């Protein structure tokens, strides 16, 4: 395997990992972060990250 092939394979693998993690983020539901112990900031951040993941998946 040439260096160029290795680089291309690595890039593809990284893209696949990132896409899978993005899909997981998009599936986050409010009940998953209810344990925030009254810290509403954490829930807001989780909700925003989930919404952003959904948007990125829709446009890609």
C-alpha atoms as a PDB file:
ATOM      1  CA  UNK A   1       0.000   0.000   0.000  1.00  0.00           C
ATOM      2  CA  UNK A   2       1.403   3.360  -0.995  1.00  0.00           C
ATOM      3  CA  UNK A   3       1.485   6.345   1.294  1.00  0.00           C
ATOM      4  CA  UNK A   4      -1.259   7.981  -0.767  1.00  0.00           C
ATOM      5  CA  UNK A   5      -3.517   4.923  -0.471  1.00  0.00           C
ATOM      6  CA  UNK A   6      -2.855   4.733   3.265  1.00  0.00           C
ATOM      7  CA  UNK A   7      -3.717   8.407   3.671  1.00  0.00           C
ATOM      8  CA  UNK A   8      -6.935   8.024   1.675  1.00  0.00           C
ATOM      9  CA  UNK A   9      -7.964   4.948   3.691  1.00  0.00           C
ATOM     10  CA  UNK A  10      -7.243   6.763   6.946  1.00  0.00           C
ATOM     11  CA  UNK A  11      -9.270   9.802   5.856  1.00  0.00           C
ATOM     12  CA  UNK A  12     -12.195   7.552   4.908  1.00  0.00           C
ATOM     13  CA  UNK A  13     -12.026   5.759   8.250  1.00  0.00           C
ATOM     14  CA  UNK A  14     -11.937   9.036  10.188  1.00  0.00           C
ATOM     15  CA  UNK A  15     -14.899  10.388   8.188  1.00  0.00           C
ATOM     16  CA  UNK A  16     -16.888   7.234   8.938  1.00  0.00           C
ATOM     17  CA  UNK A  17     -16.135   7.475  12.656  1.00  0.00           C
ATOM     18  CA  UNK A  18     -17.130  11.146  12.739  1.00  0.00           C
ATOM     19  CA  UNK A  19     -20.342  10.446  10.837  1.00  0.00           C
ATOM     20  CA  UNK A  20     -21.262   7.660  13.262  1.00  0.00           C
ATOM     21  CA  UNK A  21     -20.642   9.918  16.282  1.00  0.00           C
ATOM     22  CA  UNK A  22     -22.679  12.681  14.656  1.00  0.00           C
ATOM     23  CA  UNK A  23     -25.570  10.249  14.192  1.00  0.00           C
ATOM     24  CA  UNK A  24     -25.319   9.300  17.871  1.00  0.00           C
ATOM     25  CA  UNK A  25     -25.394  12.969  18.888  1.00  0.00           C
ATOM     26  CA  UNK A  26     -28.461  13.570  16.739  1.00  0.00           C
ATOM     27  CA  UNK A  27     -30.311  10.845  18.640  1.00  0.00           C
ATOM     28  CA  UNK A  28     -29.822  12.433  22.078  1.00  0.00           C
ATOM     29  CA  UNK A  29     -33.156  12.895  23.793  1.00  0.00           C
ATOM     30  CA  UNK A  30     -33.994  15.187  26.731  1.00  0.00           C
ATOM     31  CA  UNK A  31     -34.490  12.225  29.077  1.00  0.00           C
ATOM     32  CA  UNK A  32     -30.827  11.289  28.537  1.00  0.00           C
ATOM     33  CA  UNK A  33     -29.630  14.415  30.304  1.00  0.00           C
ATOM     34  CA  UNK A  34     -32.276  14.724  33.027  1.00  0.00           C
ATOM     35  CA  UNK A  35     -29.622  13.841  35.610  1.00  0.00           C
ATOM     36  CA  UNK A  36     -28.173  17.340  35.337  1.00  0.00           C
ATOM     37  CA  UNK A  37     -29.063  17.956  39.013  1.00  0.00           C
ATOM     38  CA  UNK A  38     -30.769  21.249  38.431  1.00  0.00           C
ATOM     39  CA  UNK A  39     -28.010  22.542  36.168  1.00  0.00           C
ATOM     40  CA  UNK A  40     -30.119  23.636  33.227  1.00  0.00           C
ATOM     41  CA  UNK A  41     -27.035  24.850  31.337  1.00  0.00           C
ATOM     42  CA  UNK A  42     -25.971  21.254  30.683  1.00  0.00           C
ATOM     43  CA  UNK A  43     -29.402  20.356  29.300  1.00  0.00           C
ATOM     44  CA  UNK A  44     -29.373  23.407  27.020  1.00  0.00           C
ATOM     45  CA  UNK A  45     -25.923  22.505  25.685  1.00  0.00           C
ATOM     46  CA  UNK A  46     -26.956  18.876  25.044  1.00  0.00           C
ATOM     47  CA  UNK A  47     -30.095  20.003  23.255  1.00  0.00           C
ATOM     48  CA  UNK A  48     -28.181  22.485  21.107  1.00  0.00           C
ATOM     49  CA  UNK A  49     -25.519  19.915  20.186  1.00  0.00           C
ATOM     50  CA  UNK A  50     -28.206  17.419  19.201  1.00  0.00           C
ATOM     51  CA  UNK A  51     -29.966  20.026  17.048  1.00  0.00           C
ATOM     52  CA  UNK A  52     -26.697  20.981  15.335  1.00  0.00           C
ATOM     53  CA  UNK A  53     -25.912  17.330  14.619  1.00  0.00           C
ATOM     54  CA  UNK A  54     -29.341  16.866  13.015  1.00  0.00           C
ATOM     55  CA  UNK A  55     -28.813  19.926  10.799  1.00  0.00           C
ATOM     56  CA  UNK A  56     -25.364  18.781   9.701  1.00  0.00           C
ATOM     57  CA  UNK A  57     -26.705  15.332   8.839  1.00  0.00           C
ATOM     58  CA  UNK A  58     -29.566  16.859   6.840  1.00  0.00           C
ATOM     59  CA  UNK A  59     -27.284  19.002   4.689  1.00  0.00           C
ATOM     60  CA  UNK A  60     -24.629  16.341   4.117  1.00  0.00           C
END
